[in-house]
Amino acid sequence: MDAKAATEFAKKLQVSLTHVVREEYEMVILKEIFDSRFGKYLIFKGGTALRLAYRSPRFSEDLDFTATKGLSVEKFLVFLKGLTRLSGIVKVEAREKFYTVFALVKVKNQILPTAISIKVEVSKRKKEWVKGRDYDDMLISSEMAVFRILAQVARI
């Protein structure tokens, strides 16, 4: 997105340019995740899921997921670190914690004067998630992106 379009979205939505740029990159990261082999093992949840899947007006600053059985944490960490190949993503710090996979994605582009960070957090807590009861396949979208993403999204 160029600076003019970002400014127009910010005015229309009455939010800062940072919110606009962050959501654009959240969509880019989500597309990469759900287009990858790891997407089938992740359920998108939290504030950003509420906004992008359920149309909540509230902007969120991170991407939250729950992992289902079969996610290779080691390979997923390598995948996350590889996001630096995308334009504007300048650094990814990713590591495994006891109950989570955590990544901090640093974004720098020409629209904002300073870099921003997007937190990605994947819960590894053992819980059986049932499709149709706990989550559904949904199309997620944003005005800040020209594409939609088919994702597994937690029910509210």
N, C-alpha and C. Protein backbone atom coordinates (compact mmCIF):
# COMPACT_ATOMS: atom_id res chain seq x y z
N MET A 1 0.85 -1.17 0.00
CA MET A 1 0.00 0.00 0.00
C MET A 1 0.90 1.23 0.00
N ASP A 2 0.48 2.24 -0.73
CA ASP A 2 1.28 3.46 -0.75
C ASP A 2 0.82 4.43 0.34
N ALA A 3 1.59 5.49 0.54
CA ALA A 3 1.32 6.45 1.62
C ALA A 3 -0.03 7.13 1.45
N LYS A 4 -0.41 7.45 0.23
CA LYS A 4 -1.69 8.13 -0.01
C LYS A 4 -2.86 7.23 0.39
N ALA A 5 -2.83 5.97 -0.03
CA ALA A 5 -3.91 5.03 0.32
C ALA A 5 -3.96 4.81 1.83
N ALA A 6 -2.79 4.67 2.45
CA ALA A 6 -2.75 4.46 3.90
C ALA A 6 -3.34 5.66 4.64
N THR A 7 -3.01 6.86 4.19
CA THR A 7 -3.55 8.08 4.82
C THR A 7 -5.06 8.14 4.65
N GLU A 8 -5.56 7.78 3.48
CA GLU A 8 -7.01 7.78 3.24
C GLU A 8 -7.72 6.77 4.14
N PHE A 9 -7.15 5.57 4.27
CA PHE A 9 -7.75 4.57 5.17
C PHE A 9 -7.74 5.06 6.61
N ALA A 10 -6.64 5.66 7.04
CA ALA A 10 -6.54 6.16 8.41
C ALA A 10 -7.61 7.21 8.68
N LYS A 11 -7.82 8.13 7.74
CA LYS A 11 -8.87 9.15 7.90
C LYS A 11 -10.25 8.53 7.92
N LYS A 12 -10.51 7.63 6.98
CA LYS A 12 -11.82 6.99 6.88
C LYS A 12 -12.16 6.22 8.15
N LEU A 13 -11.19 5.49 8.69
CA LEU A 13 -11.42 4.65 9.86
C LEU A 13 -11.15 5.38 11.17
N GLN A 14 -10.65 6.60 11.08
CA GLN A 14 -10.32 7.42 12.24
C GLN A 14 -9.34 6.71 13.18
N VAL A 15 -8.26 6.22 12.56
CA VAL A 15 -7.20 5.56 13.31
C VAL A 15 -5.86 6.11 12.83
N SER A 16 -4.80 5.73 13.49
CA SER A 16 -3.46 6.19 13.10
C SER A 16 -2.94 5.42 11.89
N LEU A 17 -1.95 6.00 11.25
CA LEU A 17 -1.27 5.30 10.16
C LEU A 17 -0.65 3.99 10.64
N THR A 18 -0.20 3.98 11.88
CA THR A 18 0.39 2.76 12.44
C THR A 18 -0.62 1.62 12.43
N HIS A 19 -1.87 1.90 12.81
CA HIS A 19 -2.90 0.86 12.79
C HIS A 19 -3.09 0.31 11.38
N VAL A 20 -3.10 1.19 10.40
CA VAL A 20 -3.32 0.79 9.01
C VAL A 20 -2.17 -0.10 8.52
N VAL A 21 -0.95 0.34 8.74
CA VAL A 21 0.22 -0.42 8.29
C VAL A 21 0.31 -1.75 9.04
N ARG A 22 0.06 -1.73 10.34
CA ARG A 22 0.11 -2.97 11.12
C ARG A 22 -0.88 -3.99 10.57
N GLU A 23 -2.12 -3.54 10.30
CA GLU A 23 -3.12 -4.50 9.81
C GLU A 23 -2.75 -5.02 8.42
N GLU A 24 -2.17 -4.17 7.60
CA GLU A 24 -1.73 -4.64 6.28
C GLU A 24 -0.71 -5.78 6.45
N TYR A 25 0.25 -5.61 7.32
CA TYR A 25 1.27 -6.64 7.53
C TYR A 25 0.72 -7.84 8.30
N GLU A 26 -0.24 -7.64 9.18
CA GLU A 26 -0.89 -8.79 9.81
C GLU A 26 -1.52 -9.68 8.75
N MET A 27 -2.17 -9.06 7.77
CA MET A 27 -2.78 -9.84 6.68
C MET A 27 -1.71 -10.57 5.86
N VAL A 28 -0.60 -9.92 5.60
CA VAL A 28 0.49 -10.57 4.85
C VAL A 28 1.00 -11.79 5.61
N ILE A 29 1.23 -11.63 6.91
CA ILE A 29 1.71 -12.74 7.73
C ILE A 29 0.68 -13.86 7.78
N LEU A 30 -0.59 -13.51 7.98
CA LEU A 30 -1.65 -14.52 8.01
C LEU A 30 -1.73 -15.29 6.70
N LYS A 31 -1.61 -14.58 5.59
CA LYS A 31 -1.65 -15.25 4.28
C LYS A 31 -0.50 -16.24 4.16
N GLU A 32 0.68 -15.83 4.56
CA GLU A 32 1.83 -16.74 4.51
C GLU A 32 1.59 -17.98 5.37
N ILE A 33 1.07 -17.77 6.58
CA ILE A 33 0.83 -18.89 7.49
C ILE A 33 -0.22 -19.84 6.94
N PHE A 34 -1.38 -19.31 6.54
CA PHE A 34 -2.48 -20.19 6.13
C PHE A 34 -2.30 -20.75 4.72
N ASP A 35 -1.41 -20.17 3.93
CA ASP A 35 -1.06 -20.76 2.63
C ASP A 35 0.03 -21.83 2.77
N SER A 36 0.64 -21.90 3.94
CA SER A 36 1.74 -22.85 4.16
C SER A 36 1.20 -24.19 4.68
N ARG A 37 2.10 -25.14 4.80
CA ARG A 37 1.73 -26.46 5.35
C ARG A 37 1.38 -26.38 6.83
N PHE A 38 1.72 -25.28 7.49
CA PHE A 38 1.47 -25.15 8.93
C PHE A 38 0.05 -24.66 9.23
N GLY A 39 -0.59 -24.03 8.25
CA GLY A 39 -1.91 -23.45 8.47
C GLY A 39 -2.95 -24.43 8.96
N LYS A 40 -2.87 -25.68 8.50
CA LYS A 40 -3.89 -26.66 8.90
C LYS A 40 -3.77 -27.07 10.37
N TYR A 41 -2.67 -26.71 11.01
CA TYR A 41 -2.46 -27.04 12.42
C TYR A 41 -2.70 -25.86 13.36
N LEU A 42 -3.17 -24.73 12.82
CA LEU A 42 -3.33 -23.52 13.62
C LEU A 42 -4.76 -23.01 13.58
N ILE A 43 -5.24 -22.58 14.72
CA ILE A 43 -6.56 -21.96 14.83
C ILE A 43 -6.34 -20.52 15.26
N PHE A 44 -6.81 -19.61 14.42
CA PHE A 44 -6.67 -18.17 14.63
C PHE A 44 -7.69 -17.73 15.67
N LYS A 45 -7.24 -16.95 16.66
CA LYS A 45 -8.13 -16.51 17.74
C LYS A 45 -7.68 -15.15 18.23
N GLY A 46 -8.39 -14.59 19.18
CA GLY A 46 -7.97 -13.33 19.80
C GLY A 46 -8.53 -12.10 19.11
N GLY A 47 -8.00 -10.96 19.51
CA GLY A 47 -8.51 -9.67 19.06
C GLY A 47 -8.43 -9.44 17.56
N THR A 48 -7.32 -9.83 16.95
CA THR A 48 -7.20 -9.63 15.50
C THR A 48 -8.16 -10.55 14.76
N ALA A 49 -8.37 -11.76 15.27
CA ALA A 49 -9.37 -12.67 14.66
C ALA A 49 -10.76 -12.06 14.76
N LEU A 50 -11.06 -11.45 15.90
CA LEU A 50 -12.37 -10.80 16.04
C LEU A 50 -12.55 -9.71 14.98
N ARG A 51 -11.51 -8.95 14.74
CA ARG A 51 -11.60 -7.87 13.76
C ARG A 51 -11.72 -8.40 12.33
N LEU A 52 -10.83 -9.31 11.96
CA LEU A 52 -10.75 -9.74 10.56
C LEU A 52 -11.80 -10.78 10.17
N ALA A 53 -12.23 -11.59 11.12
CA ALA A 53 -13.23 -12.63 10.80
C ALA A 53 -14.64 -12.22 11.19
N TYR A 54 -14.76 -11.53 12.32
CA TYR A 54 -16.09 -11.21 12.85
C TYR A 54 -16.44 -9.73 12.74
N ARG A 55 -15.56 -8.94 12.11
CA ARG A 55 -15.80 -7.52 11.80
C ARG A 55 -15.87 -6.62 13.04
N SER A 56 -15.21 -6.95 14.10
CA SER A 56 -15.12 -6.05 15.25
C SER A 56 -14.42 -4.77 14.82
N PRO A 57 -14.86 -3.61 15.32
CA PRO A 57 -14.20 -2.36 14.93
C PRO A 57 -12.85 -2.13 15.63
N ARG A 58 -12.57 -2.89 16.67
CA ARG A 58 -11.36 -2.69 17.46
C ARG A 58 -10.13 -3.27 16.75
N PHE A 59 -9.10 -2.45 16.62
CA PHE A 59 -7.83 -2.91 16.05
C PHE A 59 -7.05 -3.65 17.13
N SER A 60 -6.27 -4.62 16.73
CA SER A 60 -5.46 -5.38 17.66
C SER A 60 -4.02 -5.38 17.17
N GLU A 61 -3.09 -5.65 18.06
CA GLU A 61 -1.68 -5.51 17.72
C GLU A 61 -0.91 -6.81 17.63
N ASP A 62 -1.59 -7.95 17.74
CA ASP A 62 -0.87 -9.21 17.68
C ASP A 62 -1.70 -10.28 17.00
N LEU A 63 -1.06 -11.40 16.70
CA LEU A 63 -1.71 -12.53 16.06
C LEU A 63 -1.64 -13.71 17.02
N ASP A 64 -2.80 -14.19 17.44
CA ASP A 64 -2.88 -15.28 18.40
C ASP A 64 -3.45 -16.53 17.75
N PHE A 65 -2.86 -17.67 18.09
CA PHE A 65 -3.28 -18.96 17.54
C PHE A 65 -3.25 -20.01 18.64
N THR A 66 -3.95 -21.10 18.38
CA THR A 66 -3.79 -22.32 19.14
C THR A 66 -3.30 -23.38 18.17
N ALA A 67 -2.33 -24.17 18.60
CA ALA A 67 -1.81 -25.26 17.77
C ALA A 67 -2.62 -26.52 18.03
N THR A 68 -2.91 -27.24 16.97
CA THR A 68 -3.56 -28.54 17.10
C THR A 68 -2.48 -29.61 16.95
N LYS A 69 -2.88 -30.85 17.14
CA LYS A 69 -1.92 -31.96 17.02
C LYS A 69 -1.28 -31.95 15.63
N GLY A 70 -0.01 -32.20 15.60
CA GLY A 70 0.68 -32.33 14.32
C GLY A 70 1.60 -31.18 13.97
N LEU A 71 1.53 -30.07 14.69
CA LEU A 71 2.40 -28.93 14.38
C LEU A 71 3.84 -29.26 14.79
N SER A 72 4.75 -29.20 13.85
CA SER A 72 6.17 -29.34 14.15
C SER A 72 6.70 -27.97 14.57
N VAL A 73 6.91 -27.81 15.86
CA VAL A 73 7.34 -26.51 16.38
C VAL A 73 8.67 -26.09 15.78
N GLU A 74 9.61 -27.01 15.69
CA GLU A 74 10.94 -26.68 15.16
C GLU A 74 10.84 -26.16 13.73
N LYS A 75 10.08 -26.84 12.89
CA LYS A 75 9.94 -26.42 11.49
C LYS A 75 9.15 -25.12 11.39
N PHE A 76 8.17 -24.94 12.27
CA PHE A 76 7.38 -23.70 12.26
C PHE A 76 8.26 -22.51 12.65
N LEU A 77 9.16 -22.69 13.60
CA LEU A 77 10.08 -21.61 13.98
C LEU A 77 10.96 -21.21 12.80
N VAL A 78 11.45 -22.18 12.05
CA VAL A 78 12.26 -21.89 10.85
C VAL A 78 11.41 -21.12 9.84
N PHE A 79 10.16 -21.56 9.65
CA PHE A 79 9.24 -20.88 8.74
C PHE A 79 9.05 -19.41 9.15
N LEU A 80 8.79 -19.18 10.44
CA LEU A 80 8.58 -17.81 10.92
C LEU A 80 9.80 -16.94 10.65
N LYS A 81 10.98 -17.46 10.94
CA LYS A 81 12.21 -16.69 10.71
C LYS A 81 12.39 -16.38 9.23
N GLY A 82 11.85 -17.22 8.36
CA GLY A 82 11.95 -17.02 6.92
C GLY A 82 11.05 -15.93 6.39
N LEU A 83 10.18 -15.37 7.22
CA LEU A 83 9.31 -14.28 6.77
C LEU A 83 10.10 -13.04 6.37
N THR A 84 11.36 -12.98 6.76
CA THR A 84 12.19 -11.82 6.40
C THR A 84 12.39 -11.71 4.89
N ARG A 85 12.04 -12.73 4.14
CA ARG A 85 12.15 -12.66 2.68
C ARG A 85 11.09 -11.73 2.09
N LEU A 86 10.07 -11.40 2.88
CA LEU A 86 8.97 -10.54 2.41
C LEU A 86 9.34 -9.07 2.53
N SER A 87 8.91 -8.29 1.59
CA SER A 87 9.19 -6.86 1.58
C SER A 87 8.65 -6.20 2.84
N GLY A 88 9.50 -5.44 3.50
CA GLY A 88 9.10 -4.69 4.69
C GLY A 88 9.34 -5.42 6.00
N ILE A 89 9.47 -6.74 5.96
CA ILE A 89 9.75 -7.49 7.20
C ILE A 89 11.26 -7.58 7.32
N VAL A 90 11.80 -6.86 8.31
CA VAL A 90 13.25 -6.72 8.41
C VAL A 90 13.90 -7.64 9.44
N LYS A 91 13.09 -8.17 10.37
CA LYS A 91 13.66 -9.04 11.40
C LYS A 91 12.55 -9.87 12.02
N VAL A 92 12.86 -11.13 12.33
CA VAL A 92 11.93 -11.99 13.06
C VAL A 92 12.72 -12.70 14.15
N GLU A 93 12.30 -12.48 15.38
CA GLU A 93 12.85 -13.22 16.51
C GLU A 93 11.80 -14.25 16.89
N ALA A 94 12.15 -15.53 16.86
CA ALA A 94 11.18 -16.58 17.16
C ALA A 94 11.81 -17.60 18.09
N ARG A 95 11.02 -18.05 19.06
CA ARG A 95 11.52 -19.05 20.00
C ARG A 95 10.35 -19.82 20.61
N GLU A 96 10.69 -20.95 21.17
CA GLU A 96 9.70 -21.77 21.86
C GLU A 96 9.79 -21.50 23.35
N LYS A 97 8.63 -21.29 23.95
CA LYS A 97 8.54 -21.18 25.40
C LYS A 97 7.83 -22.44 25.89
N PHE A 98 7.58 -22.53 27.18
CA PHE A 98 7.00 -23.75 27.73
C PHE A 98 5.64 -24.08 27.11
N TYR A 99 4.71 -23.13 27.13
CA TYR A 99 3.37 -23.37 26.59
C TYR A 99 3.11 -22.67 25.27
N THR A 100 4.09 -21.95 24.74
CA THR A 100 3.83 -21.15 23.54
C THR A 100 5.01 -21.17 22.56
N VAL A 101 4.67 -20.83 21.34
CA VAL A 101 5.66 -20.45 20.34
C VAL A 101 5.48 -18.94 20.20
N PHE A 102 6.58 -18.21 20.30
CA PHE A 102 6.50 -16.75 20.31
C PHE A 102 7.40 -16.19 19.21
N ALA A 103 6.88 -15.20 18.49
CA ALA A 103 7.70 -14.51 17.50
C ALA A 103 7.40 -13.02 17.54
N LEU A 104 8.42 -12.24 17.32
CA LEU A 104 8.28 -10.80 17.19
C LEU A 104 8.75 -10.44 15.79
N VAL A 105 7.81 -9.94 14.99
CA VAL A 105 8.09 -9.61 13.59
C VAL A 105 8.26 -8.10 13.49
N LYS A 106 9.44 -7.67 13.07
CA LYS A 106 9.72 -6.23 12.95
C LYS A 106 9.48 -5.80 11.50
N VAL A 107 8.67 -4.74 11.36
CA VAL A 107 8.28 -4.23 10.04
C VAL A 107 8.78 -2.80 9.89
N LYS A 108 9.38 -2.52 8.75
CA LYS A 108 9.83 -1.16 8.43
C LYS A 108 9.47 -0.89 6.98
N ASN A 109 8.74 0.20 6.77
CA ASN A 109 8.41 0.59 5.39
C ASN A 109 8.48 2.10 5.26
N GLN A 110 8.20 2.60 4.06
CA GLN A 110 8.35 4.02 3.77
C GLN A 110 7.23 4.88 4.36
N ILE A 111 6.15 4.28 4.81
CA ILE A 111 5.00 5.06 5.30
C ILE A 111 5.23 5.56 6.73
N LEU A 112 5.81 4.72 7.56
CA LEU A 112 6.02 5.08 8.97
C LEU A 112 7.47 5.49 9.21
N PRO A 113 7.69 6.47 10.08
CA PRO A 113 9.05 6.93 10.35
C PRO A 113 9.89 5.94 11.16
N THR A 114 9.23 5.07 11.91
CA THR A 114 9.96 4.09 12.72
C THR A 114 9.38 2.69 12.48
N ALA A 115 10.15 1.70 12.83
CA ALA A 115 9.71 0.31 12.68
C ALA A 115 8.62 0.00 13.70
N ILE A 116 7.76 -0.95 13.34
CA ILE A 116 6.75 -1.45 14.27
C ILE A 116 6.98 -2.95 14.45
N SER A 117 6.42 -3.50 15.51
CA SER A 117 6.54 -4.93 15.76
C SER A 117 5.16 -5.56 15.85
N ILE A 118 5.06 -6.77 15.33
CA ILE A 118 3.84 -7.55 15.42
C ILE A 118 4.19 -8.84 16.16
N LYS A 119 3.48 -9.09 17.24
CA LYS A 119 3.71 -10.29 18.03
C LYS A 119 2.87 -11.43 17.47
N VAL A 120 3.50 -12.59 17.33
CA VAL A 120 2.80 -13.81 16.92
C VAL A 120 2.95 -14.79 18.08
N GLU A 121 1.82 -15.29 18.58
CA GLU A 121 1.87 -16.20 19.71
C GLU A 121 0.98 -17.41 19.43
N VAL A 122 1.57 -18.59 19.61
CA VAL A 122 0.85 -19.84 19.37
C VAL A 122 0.83 -20.63 20.68
N SER A 123 -0.37 -20.87 21.19
CA SER A 123 -0.52 -21.67 22.40
C SER A 123 -0.35 -23.15 22.06
N LYS A 124 0.45 -23.84 22.87
CA LYS A 124 0.66 -25.28 22.69
C LYS A 124 -0.08 -26.08 23.76
N ARG A 125 -0.92 -25.42 24.54
CA ARG A 125 -1.63 -26.12 25.61
C ARG A 125 -2.49 -27.23 25.02
N LYS A 126 -2.50 -28.35 25.69
CA LYS A 126 -3.24 -29.51 25.21
C LYS A 126 -4.74 -29.31 25.42
N LYS A 127 -5.45 -29.23 24.32
CA LYS A 127 -6.91 -29.14 24.34
C LYS A 127 -7.39 -29.69 23.02
N GLU A 128 -8.43 -30.46 23.05
CA GLU A 128 -8.98 -30.97 21.80
C GLU A 128 -9.91 -29.94 21.20
N TRP A 129 -9.56 -29.46 20.01
CA TRP A 129 -10.38 -28.50 19.28
C TRP A 129 -11.17 -29.27 18.23
N VAL A 130 -12.48 -29.08 18.23
CA VAL A 130 -13.36 -29.80 17.30
C VAL A 130 -13.92 -28.81 16.28
N LYS A 131 -13.67 -29.14 15.00
CA LYS A 131 -14.19 -28.31 13.92
C LYS A 131 -15.72 -28.36 13.94
N GLY A 132 -16.34 -27.20 13.80
CA GLY A 132 -17.79 -27.11 13.85
C GLY A 132 -18.33 -26.85 15.25
N ARG A 133 -17.51 -27.12 16.25
CA ARG A 133 -17.88 -26.82 17.63
C ARG A 133 -17.02 -25.70 18.20
N ASP A 134 -15.70 -25.82 18.02
CA ASP A 134 -14.76 -24.87 18.59
C ASP A 134 -14.20 -23.89 17.56
N TYR A 135 -14.19 -24.30 16.30
CA TYR A 135 -13.66 -23.44 15.24
C TYR A 135 -14.30 -23.81 13.91
N ASP A 136 -14.17 -22.88 12.96
CA ASP A 136 -14.70 -23.08 11.61
C ASP A 136 -13.71 -22.56 10.59
N ASP A 137 -13.84 -23.04 9.36
CA ASP A 137 -13.13 -22.43 8.25
C ASP A 137 -13.86 -21.14 7.90
N MET A 138 -13.14 -20.04 7.82
CA MET A 138 -13.74 -18.74 7.51
C MET A 138 -12.84 -17.97 6.57
N LEU A 139 -13.45 -17.10 5.78
CA LEU A 139 -12.68 -16.15 4.98
C LEU A 139 -12.43 -14.92 5.84
N ILE A 140 -11.18 -14.54 5.98
CA ILE A 140 -10.85 -13.33 6.71
C ILE A 140 -10.38 -12.28 5.71
N SER A 141 -10.69 -11.03 6.03
CA SER A 141 -10.35 -9.96 5.09
C SER A 141 -10.16 -8.65 5.84
N SER A 142 -9.56 -7.71 5.13
CA SER A 142 -9.32 -6.37 5.65
C SER A 142 -9.34 -5.40 4.49
N GLU A 143 -9.78 -4.19 4.77
CA GLU A 143 -9.71 -3.14 3.75
C GLU A 143 -8.26 -2.83 3.38
N MET A 144 -7.34 -3.19 4.24
CA MET A 144 -5.93 -2.89 4.01
C MET A 144 -5.25 -3.91 3.10
N ALA A 145 -5.97 -4.93 2.65
CA ALA A 145 -5.38 -5.95 1.79
C ALA A 145 -6.30 -6.22 0.60
N VAL A 146 -5.71 -6.58 -0.51
CA VAL A 146 -6.50 -6.84 -1.72
C VAL A 146 -6.85 -8.32 -1.87
N PHE A 147 -6.62 -9.09 -0.83
CA PHE A 147 -6.89 -10.53 -0.88
C PHE A 147 -7.67 -10.95 0.36
N ARG A 148 -8.26 -12.14 0.29
CA ARG A 148 -8.91 -12.76 1.44
C ARG A 148 -8.17 -14.06 1.73
N ILE A 149 -8.33 -14.54 2.95
CA ILE A 149 -7.59 -15.72 3.39
C ILE A 149 -8.57 -16.72 3.97
N LEU A 150 -8.46 -17.97 3.55
CA LEU A 150 -9.24 -19.04 4.16
C LEU A 150 -8.44 -19.53 5.37
N ALA A 151 -9.04 -19.39 6.55
CA ALA A 151 -8.34 -19.72 7.79
C ALA A 151 -9.26 -20.48 8.73
N GLN A 152 -8.65 -21.24 9.62
CA GLN A 152 -9.39 -21.87 10.71
C GLN A 152 -9.47 -20.83 11.83
N VAL A 153 -10.71 -20.47 12.21
CA VAL A 153 -10.91 -19.38 13.17
C VAL A 153 -11.74 -19.90 14.34
N ALA A 154 -11.30 -19.55 15.55
CA ALA A 154 -12.03 -19.94 16.75
C ALA A 154 -13.42 -19.33 16.75
N ARG A 155 -14.38 -20.10 17.22
CA ARG A 155 -15.74 -19.58 17.37
C ARG A 155 -15.79 -18.64 18.57
N ILE A 156 -16.74 -17.69 18.50
CA ILE A 156 -16.92 -16.78 19.64
C ILE A 156 -18.19 -17.13 20.38
